[in-house]
């Protein structure tokens, strides 16, 4: 099985924002993740990443909120997107 694109979404927002979500299904997990998905979800404001979710090799599932990094529990792709959208809303409501 080759890598299969599950979703690719890119939306330019007014006031210089960007939301991008890319999810791949892989034949094997990316260590130390235990699921077979590779993903990156990012919210960029004025050219700066303010929210990011990804599972980089060696780091596993995690999220970036501002300049801080936190672990993130991957459940499934739908939950990943929900968690990302919730963090974007929280970020925007705090501004």
N, C-alpha and C. Protein backbone atom coordinates (compact mmCIF):
# COMPACT_ATOMS: atom_id res chain seq x y z
N UNK A 1 0.85 -1.19 0.00
CA UNK A 1 0.00 0.00 0.00
C UNK A 1 0.88 1.24 0.00
N UNK A 2 0.58 2.15 -0.88
CA UNK A 2 1.28 3.43 -0.90
C UNK A 2 0.54 4.41 0.00
N UNK A 3 1.18 5.53 0.29
CA UNK A 3 0.51 6.59 1.05
C UNK A 3 -0.68 7.07 0.25
N UNK A 4 -1.78 7.32 0.96
CA UNK A 4 -3.03 7.76 0.33
C UNK A 4 -3.46 9.09 0.94
N UNK A 5 -3.66 10.08 0.09
CA UNK A 5 -4.13 11.37 0.56
C UNK A 5 -5.57 11.24 1.05
N UNK A 6 -5.80 11.57 2.30
CA UNK A 6 -7.14 11.51 2.89
C UNK A 6 -7.84 12.84 2.71
N UNK A 7 -7.11 13.93 2.94
CA UNK A 7 -7.70 15.26 2.75
C UNK A 7 -6.62 16.30 2.55
N UNK A 8 -6.95 17.29 1.77
CA UNK A 8 -6.10 18.48 1.61
C UNK A 8 -7.04 19.67 1.53
N UNK A 9 -6.87 20.60 2.44
CA UNK A 9 -7.74 21.78 2.52
C UNK A 9 -6.85 22.98 2.75
N UNK A 10 -7.08 24.02 1.97
CA UNK A 10 -6.33 25.27 2.13
C UNK A 10 -7.30 26.42 1.90
N UNK A 11 -7.36 27.31 2.88
CA UNK A 11 -8.29 28.43 2.79
C UNK A 11 -7.58 29.72 3.22
N UNK A 12 -7.53 30.69 2.31
CA UNK A 12 -6.98 32.00 2.64
C UNK A 12 -8.08 32.82 3.28
N UNK A 13 -7.77 33.41 4.41
CA UNK A 13 -8.73 34.21 5.15
C UNK A 13 -8.46 35.69 4.92
N UNK A 14 -9.47 36.49 5.16
CA UNK A 14 -9.25 37.93 5.09
C UNK A 14 -8.30 38.33 6.23
N UNK A 15 -7.73 39.46 6.18
CA UNK A 15 -6.76 39.96 7.16
C UNK A 15 -5.49 39.09 7.22
N UNK A 16 -5.11 38.46 6.12
CA UNK A 16 -3.83 37.77 6.06
C UNK A 16 -3.74 36.43 6.75
N UNK A 17 -4.87 35.76 6.99
CA UNK A 17 -4.84 34.46 7.64
C UNK A 17 -4.86 33.31 6.65
N UNK A 18 -4.48 32.14 7.12
CA UNK A 18 -4.46 30.93 6.31
C UNK A 18 -4.77 29.74 7.20
N UNK A 19 -5.63 28.85 6.73
CA UNK A 19 -5.86 27.55 7.37
C UNK A 19 -5.48 26.50 6.35
N UNK A 20 -4.64 25.56 6.75
CA UNK A 20 -4.26 24.46 5.87
C UNK A 20 -4.29 23.16 6.66
N UNK A 21 -4.92 22.14 6.07
CA UNK A 21 -4.99 20.82 6.69
C UNK A 21 -4.66 19.77 5.66
N UNK A 22 -3.68 18.92 5.97
CA UNK A 22 -3.28 17.83 5.08
C UNK A 22 -3.17 16.57 5.92
N UNK A 23 -3.83 15.50 5.47
CA UNK A 23 -3.79 14.22 6.18
C UNK A 23 -3.54 13.11 5.16
N UNK A 24 -2.58 12.25 5.48
CA UNK A 24 -2.25 11.07 4.65
C UNK A 24 -2.48 9.80 5.46
N UNK A 25 -2.94 8.75 4.81
CA UNK A 25 -2.98 7.41 5.41
C UNK A 25 -1.74 6.68 4.90
N UNK A 26 -0.96 6.13 5.81
CA UNK A 26 0.30 5.48 5.47
C UNK A 26 0.21 3.97 5.65
N UNK A 27 1.09 3.23 5.02
CA UNK A 27 1.08 1.78 5.24
C UNK A 27 1.55 1.40 6.64
N UNK A 28 2.35 2.29 7.29
CA UNK A 28 2.87 2.02 8.63
C UNK A 28 2.87 3.32 9.43
N UNK A 29 2.74 3.23 10.74
CA UNK A 29 2.81 4.44 11.57
C UNK A 29 4.16 5.15 11.45
N UNK A 30 4.14 6.45 11.72
CA UNK A 30 5.37 7.24 11.81
C UNK A 30 5.78 7.25 13.28
N UNK A 31 6.86 6.55 13.64
CA UNK A 31 7.23 6.45 15.05
C UNK A 31 7.47 7.82 15.69
N UNK A 32 7.04 8.02 16.91
CA UNK A 32 6.46 7.06 17.84
C UNK A 32 4.94 6.96 17.79
N UNK A 33 4.28 7.59 16.81
CA UNK A 33 2.81 7.46 16.69
C UNK A 33 2.46 5.99 16.46
N UNK A 34 1.29 5.59 16.92
CA UNK A 34 0.86 4.19 16.77
C UNK A 34 -0.23 4.03 15.72
N UNK A 35 -0.67 5.11 15.12
CA UNK A 35 -1.70 5.07 14.08
C UNK A 35 -1.05 5.29 12.72
N UNK A 36 -1.78 4.95 11.66
CA UNK A 36 -1.22 5.01 10.31
C UNK A 36 -1.58 6.30 9.57
N UNK A 37 -1.52 7.43 10.26
CA UNK A 37 -1.80 8.72 9.62
C UNK A 37 -0.62 9.65 9.81
N UNK A 38 -0.35 10.44 8.79
CA UNK A 38 0.64 11.52 8.86
C UNK A 38 -0.14 12.78 8.57
N UNK A 39 0.03 13.81 9.40
CA UNK A 39 -0.81 15.00 9.23
C UNK A 39 -0.09 16.27 9.63
N UNK A 40 -0.60 17.37 9.07
CA UNK A 40 -0.20 18.71 9.50
C UNK A 40 -1.41 19.61 9.32
N UNK A 41 -1.77 20.29 10.37
CA UNK A 41 -2.86 21.26 10.35
C UNK A 41 -2.27 22.54 10.90
N UNK A 42 -2.49 23.64 10.21
CA UNK A 42 -1.85 24.88 10.62
C UNK A 42 -2.77 26.07 10.42
N UNK A 43 -2.70 26.99 11.37
CA UNK A 43 -3.41 28.27 11.29
C UNK A 43 -2.33 29.34 11.34
N UNK A 44 -2.26 30.14 10.29
CA UNK A 44 -1.23 31.17 10.15
C UNK A 44 -1.91 32.53 10.15
N UNK A 45 -1.36 33.45 10.93
CA UNK A 45 -1.86 34.83 10.98
C UNK A 45 -0.69 35.76 10.71
N UNK A 46 -0.86 36.62 9.70
CA UNK A 46 0.20 37.57 9.33
C UNK A 46 1.55 36.88 9.12
N UNK A 47 1.52 35.73 8.45
CA UNK A 47 2.74 35.02 8.12
C UNK A 47 3.37 34.22 9.25
N UNK A 48 2.71 34.13 10.39
CA UNK A 48 3.25 33.43 11.56
C UNK A 48 2.32 32.31 11.99
N UNK A 49 2.87 31.10 12.18
CA UNK A 49 2.05 30.00 12.67
C UNK A 49 1.66 30.29 14.12
N UNK A 50 0.35 30.27 14.38
CA UNK A 50 -0.11 30.49 15.75
C UNK A 50 -0.71 29.20 16.34
N UNK A 51 -1.22 28.32 15.47
CA UNK A 51 -1.73 27.00 15.90
C UNK A 51 -1.20 25.98 14.90
N UNK A 52 -0.73 24.86 15.39
CA UNK A 52 -0.29 23.78 14.51
C UNK A 52 -0.45 22.44 15.19
N UNK A 53 -0.90 21.46 14.44
CA UNK A 53 -1.00 20.08 14.91
C UNK A 53 -0.22 19.24 13.90
N UNK A 54 0.66 18.35 14.38
CA UNK A 54 1.38 17.46 13.47
C UNK A 54 1.93 16.27 14.24
N UNK A 55 2.47 15.32 13.50
CA UNK A 55 3.08 14.15 14.12
C UNK A 55 4.42 13.87 13.44
N UNK A 56 5.33 14.74 13.73
CA UNK A 56 6.68 14.66 13.20
C UNK A 56 7.38 13.39 13.68
N UNK A 57 8.14 12.78 12.79
CA UNK A 57 8.91 11.57 13.16
C UNK A 57 9.80 11.90 14.35
N UNK A 58 9.77 11.02 15.34
CA UNK A 58 10.59 11.20 16.54
C UNK A 58 9.89 11.99 17.64
N UNK A 59 8.88 12.79 17.29
CA UNK A 59 8.15 13.58 18.29
C UNK A 59 6.77 13.01 18.56
N UNK A 60 6.16 12.40 17.57
CA UNK A 60 4.81 11.89 17.72
C UNK A 60 3.77 12.98 17.64
N UNK A 61 2.57 12.67 18.08
CA UNK A 61 1.43 13.59 18.00
C UNK A 61 1.61 14.75 18.97
N UNK A 62 1.53 15.96 18.44
CA UNK A 62 1.68 17.12 19.30
C UNK A 62 1.03 18.33 18.63
N UNK A 63 0.91 19.41 19.41
CA UNK A 63 0.33 20.65 18.89
C UNK A 63 1.18 21.83 19.33
N UNK A 64 1.13 22.86 18.52
CA UNK A 64 1.82 24.12 18.80
C UNK A 64 0.74 25.17 19.04
N UNK A 65 0.81 25.84 20.16
CA UNK A 65 -0.09 26.93 20.48
C UNK A 65 0.81 28.13 20.75
N UNK A 66 0.76 29.12 19.85
CA UNK A 66 1.71 30.21 19.95
C UNK A 66 3.11 29.65 19.83
N UNK A 67 3.98 29.96 20.78
CA UNK A 67 5.36 29.48 20.74
C UNK A 67 5.57 28.23 21.58
N UNK A 68 4.51 27.69 22.17
CA UNK A 68 4.63 26.52 23.05
C UNK A 68 4.18 25.25 22.33
N UNK A 69 4.75 24.13 22.75
CA UNK A 69 4.42 22.82 22.19
C UNK A 69 3.87 21.93 23.29
N UNK A 70 2.79 21.19 22.95
CA UNK A 70 2.12 20.31 23.90
C UNK A 70 1.83 18.97 23.24
N UNK A 71 1.80 17.89 24.02
CA UNK A 71 1.37 16.60 23.46
C UNK A 71 -0.10 16.68 23.05
N UNK A 72 -0.48 15.88 22.08
CA UNK A 72 -1.88 15.80 21.67
C UNK A 72 -2.25 14.34 21.49
N UNK A 73 -3.39 13.95 22.03
CA UNK A 73 -3.88 12.57 21.93
C UNK A 73 -4.64 12.40 20.62
N UNK A 74 -4.09 11.65 19.67
CA UNK A 74 -4.78 11.37 18.42
C UNK A 74 -5.79 10.26 18.65
N UNK A 75 -7.06 10.52 18.29
CA UNK A 75 -8.13 9.52 18.41
C UNK A 75 -8.49 9.03 17.01
N UNK A 76 -8.86 9.97 16.15
CA UNK A 76 -9.15 9.68 14.75
C UNK A 76 -9.09 11.02 13.99
N UNK A 77 -9.23 10.97 12.68
CA UNK A 77 -9.09 12.17 11.86
C UNK A 77 -10.17 13.20 12.18
N UNK A 78 -11.41 12.76 12.37
CA UNK A 78 -12.49 13.70 12.69
C UNK A 78 -12.22 14.43 14.00
N UNK A 79 -11.77 13.70 15.00
CA UNK A 79 -11.47 14.32 16.30
C UNK A 79 -10.28 15.28 16.17
N UNK A 80 -9.29 14.91 15.38
CA UNK A 80 -8.14 15.78 15.12
C UNK A 80 -8.58 17.13 14.57
N UNK A 81 -9.45 17.09 13.57
CA UNK A 81 -9.95 18.32 12.95
C UNK A 81 -10.77 19.13 13.96
N UNK A 82 -11.62 18.44 14.73
CA UNK A 82 -12.41 19.13 15.77
C UNK A 82 -11.50 19.81 16.79
N UNK A 83 -10.47 19.10 17.24
CA UNK A 83 -9.55 19.67 18.23
C UNK A 83 -8.83 20.89 17.66
N UNK A 84 -8.39 20.79 16.41
CA UNK A 84 -7.72 21.90 15.74
C UNK A 84 -8.65 23.11 15.63
N UNK A 85 -9.85 22.88 15.16
CA UNK A 85 -10.80 23.99 15.01
C UNK A 85 -11.13 24.63 16.35
N UNK A 86 -11.22 23.84 17.40
CA UNK A 86 -11.49 24.38 18.74
C UNK A 86 -10.34 25.27 19.20
N UNK A 87 -9.10 24.86 18.93
CA UNK A 87 -7.95 25.68 19.32
C UNK A 87 -7.90 26.98 18.51
N UNK A 88 -8.26 26.93 17.23
CA UNK A 88 -8.30 28.14 16.40
C UNK A 88 -9.35 29.11 16.96
N UNK A 89 -10.54 28.59 17.28
CA UNK A 89 -11.59 29.43 17.88
C UNK A 89 -11.13 30.05 19.19
N UNK A 90 -10.51 29.25 20.04
CA UNK A 90 -10.02 29.75 21.33
C UNK A 90 -9.00 30.86 21.10
N UNK A 91 -8.09 30.65 20.16
CA UNK A 91 -7.08 31.66 19.85
C UNK A 91 -7.73 32.96 19.40
N UNK A 92 -8.68 32.86 18.49
CA UNK A 92 -9.34 34.05 17.96
C UNK A 92 -10.20 34.77 19.02
N UNK A 93 -10.82 34.02 19.90
CA UNK A 93 -11.65 34.62 20.95
C UNK A 93 -10.80 35.33 22.01
N UNK A 94 -9.54 34.91 22.14
CA UNK A 94 -8.66 35.53 23.12
C UNK A 94 -8.01 36.81 22.60
N UNK A 95 -8.17 37.09 21.33
CA UNK A 95 -7.55 38.28 20.72
C UNK A 95 -8.49 39.43 20.68
